[in-house]
Protein backbone atom coordinates (compact mmCIF):
# COMPACT_ATOMS: atom_id res chain seq x y z
CA UNK A 1 105.57 74.94 138.35
CA UNK A 2 108.80 73.87 140.05
CA UNK A 3 108.64 70.46 141.67
CA UNK A 4 111.05 70.00 144.58
CA UNK A 5 111.69 66.81 146.55
CA UNK A 6 113.76 66.74 149.76
CA UNK A 7 115.44 63.42 150.59
CA UNK A 8 117.00 62.08 153.79
CA UNK A 9 117.34 58.60 155.27
CA UNK A 10 114.05 57.97 157.09
CA UNK A 11 111.95 60.98 156.07
CA UNK A 12 111.17 61.89 159.67
CA UNK A 13 113.64 64.71 160.49
CA UNK A 14 115.62 66.53 157.84
CA UNK A 15 113.61 66.09 154.65
CA UNK A 16 110.16 66.80 156.10
CA UNK A 17 111.65 69.88 157.77
CA UNK A 18 113.12 70.96 154.42
CA UNK A 19 109.74 70.46 152.79
CA UNK A 20 108.04 72.56 155.47
CA UNK A 21 110.67 75.32 155.41
CA UNK A 22 110.45 75.70 151.63
CA UNK A 23 106.66 75.68 151.78
CA UNK A 24 106.78 78.44 154.41
CA UNK A 25 109.03 80.54 152.16
CA UNK A 26 106.97 80.07 148.99
CA UNK A 27 103.43 79.90 150.36
CA UNK A 28 103.06 77.03 147.92
CA UNK A 29 102.83 79.33 144.91
CA UNK A 30 104.43 77.96 141.77
CA UNK A 31 105.92 75.06 143.73
CA UNK A 32 105.01 71.46 144.38
CA UNK A 33 107.11 70.43 147.40
CA UNK A 34 107.41 66.95 148.91
CA UNK A 35 109.85 64.81 150.87
CA UNK A 36 110.90 61.17 150.99
CA UNK A 37 113.42 58.84 152.59
CA UNK A 38 115.89 56.45 151.04
CA UNK A 39 114.56 53.70 153.30
CA UNK A 40 111.00 52.85 154.22
CA UNK A 41 111.50 52.19 157.94
CA UNK A 42 109.12 54.98 158.93
CA UNK A 43 106.57 54.82 156.08
CA UNK A 44 103.24 56.26 157.18
CA UNK A 45 104.64 58.02 160.25
CA UNK A 46 104.58 61.71 161.12
CA UNK A 47 107.87 63.56 161.41
CA UNK A 48 109.83 63.12 164.64
CA UNK A 49 108.07 65.03 167.43
CA UNK A 50 111.28 66.86 168.35
CA UNK A 51 111.63 68.23 164.82
CA UNK A 52 107.97 69.21 164.71
CA UNK A 53 108.34 71.03 168.05
CA UNK A 54 111.54 72.83 167.01
CA UNK A 55 109.95 73.91 163.72
CA UNK A 56 106.75 75.00 165.48
CA UNK A 57 108.76 77.36 167.69
CA UNK A 58 109.81 79.07 164.43
CA UNK A 59 106.27 79.20 163.10
CA UNK A 60 106.84 76.31 160.68
CA UNK A 61 104.27 73.51 160.55
CA UNK A 62 105.54 70.06 159.52
CA UNK A 63 102.58 68.01 158.35
CA UNK A 64 104.10 65.47 155.97
CA UNK A 65 103.83 61.71 156.37
CA UNK A 66 106.93 59.62 155.77
CA UNK A 67 107.33 57.70 152.55
CA UNK A 68 110.14 56.02 150.67
CA UNK A 69 111.51 57.57 147.49
CA UNK A 70 110.77 55.68 144.28
CA UNK A 71 112.44 55.71 140.87
CA UNK A 72 109.47 57.56 139.36
CA UNK A 73 110.18 60.51 141.68
CA UNK A 74 113.37 61.21 139.77
CA UNK A 75 111.39 61.64 136.59
CA UNK A 76 108.58 63.66 138.20
CA UNK A 77 110.54 66.21 140.23
CA UNK A 78 112.67 69.03 138.80
CA UNK A 79 114.94 69.35 141.84
CA UNK A 80 115.81 66.58 144.26
CA UNK A 81 117.67 67.94 147.26
CA UNK A 82 119.53 65.35 149.32
CA UNK A 83 120.67 65.91 152.88
CA UNK A 84 123.92 63.91 152.86
CA UNK A 85 126.31 62.01 150.61
CA UNK A 86 124.70 58.65 151.30
CA UNK A 87 121.25 60.00 150.41
CA UNK A 88 122.70 61.47 147.23
CA UNK A 89 124.30 58.17 146.15
CA UNK A 90 121.22 56.09 147.00
CA UNK A 91 118.92 58.49 145.18
CA UNK A 92 121.03 58.57 142.02
CA UNK A 93 121.18 54.73 142.02
CA UNK A 94 117.40 54.61 141.61
CA UNK A 95 117.66 56.07 138.12
CA UNK A 96 121.10 57.39 137.04
CA UNK A 97 119.50 58.88 133.91
CA UNK A 98 118.21 61.74 136.11
CA UNK A 99 121.38 62.44 138.10
CA UNK A 100 121.40 66.04 136.87
CA UNK A 101 118.23 66.69 138.90
CA UNK A 102 119.78 65.42 142.14
CA UNK A 103 121.62 68.03 144.21
CA UNK A 104 123.38 68.03 147.56
CA UNK A 105 121.43 70.49 149.68
CA UNK A 106 124.54 71.98 151.27
CA UNK A 107 125.61 73.47 147.94
CA UNK A 108 123.00 76.17 148.62
CA UNK A 109 124.40 77.24 152.01
CA UNK A 110 125.99 80.65 152.63
CA UNK A 111 129.64 80.95 153.54
CA UNK A 112 128.48 81.23 157.20
CA UNK A 113 127.86 77.49 156.99
CA UNK A 114 130.87 76.54 154.86
CA UNK A 115 131.91 73.89 157.40
CA UNK A 116 128.87 71.80 156.43
CA UNK A 117 128.98 69.54 153.39
CA UNK A 118 126.11 67.46 154.78
CA UNK A 119 123.05 68.30 156.85
CA UNK A 120 123.70 66.35 160.06
CA UNK A 121 121.08 63.84 161.16
CA UNK A 122 119.73 65.11 164.51
CA UNK A 123 117.87 61.89 165.38
CA UNK A 124 120.28 60.61 168.01
CA UNK A 125 121.34 64.01 169.33
CA UNK A 126 119.81 66.62 171.56
CA UNK A 127 117.62 69.63 170.89
CA UNK A 128 120.54 71.68 169.57
CA UNK A 129 120.84 69.30 166.61
CA UNK A 130 117.27 69.99 165.51
CA UNK A 131 117.85 73.74 165.80
CA UNK A 132 121.03 73.49 163.72
CA UNK A 133 119.24 71.51 161.01
CA UNK A 134 116.52 74.17 160.84
CA UNK A 135 119.16 76.92 160.64
CA UNK A 136 120.80 75.12 157.71
CA UNK A 137 117.49 74.46 155.99
CA UNK A 138 116.26 78.04 156.32
CA UNK A 139 119.52 79.40 154.94
CA UNK A 140 119.81 76.88 152.11
CA UNK A 141 116.17 77.14 151.07
CA UNK A 142 116.41 80.93 150.76
CA UNK A 143 119.49 80.58 148.57
CA UNK A 144 117.89 77.78 146.54
CA UNK A 145 114.93 80.05 145.76
CA UNK A 146 117.28 82.86 144.65
CA UNK A 147 118.99 80.48 142.23
CA UNK A 148 115.78 78.98 140.87
CA UNK A 149 114.15 82.35 140.19
């Protein structure tokens, strides 16, 4: 079983959406998929309602509850996919021994999205930001699955 953890800052927009997108593409078979944030500001909260609504329009259900990443996650998960450079650095700092498991999500994007080296945080933007994040996640998750198989 492949264990995949998505990581962003607060675990209320990008990483729970990544978790939900990958779950929708795998139907949960042979995968344990979770998400976490590098800070605990939103621990115990549902994903941002705007992200849940944008995902729902695509038939994707985001059900995760926010939590902060912990050092033990680096040992437990096979793939840790971070949304931006800051998330990458903060995740690796938790346990540098497992740096090889930590990947920048944008490395899985097609050339159509070559302008993106980070998944932008849509929290302070408008609806278009949430749609863009979902476009990136759907593309990257498909490519991730091709590489893992």
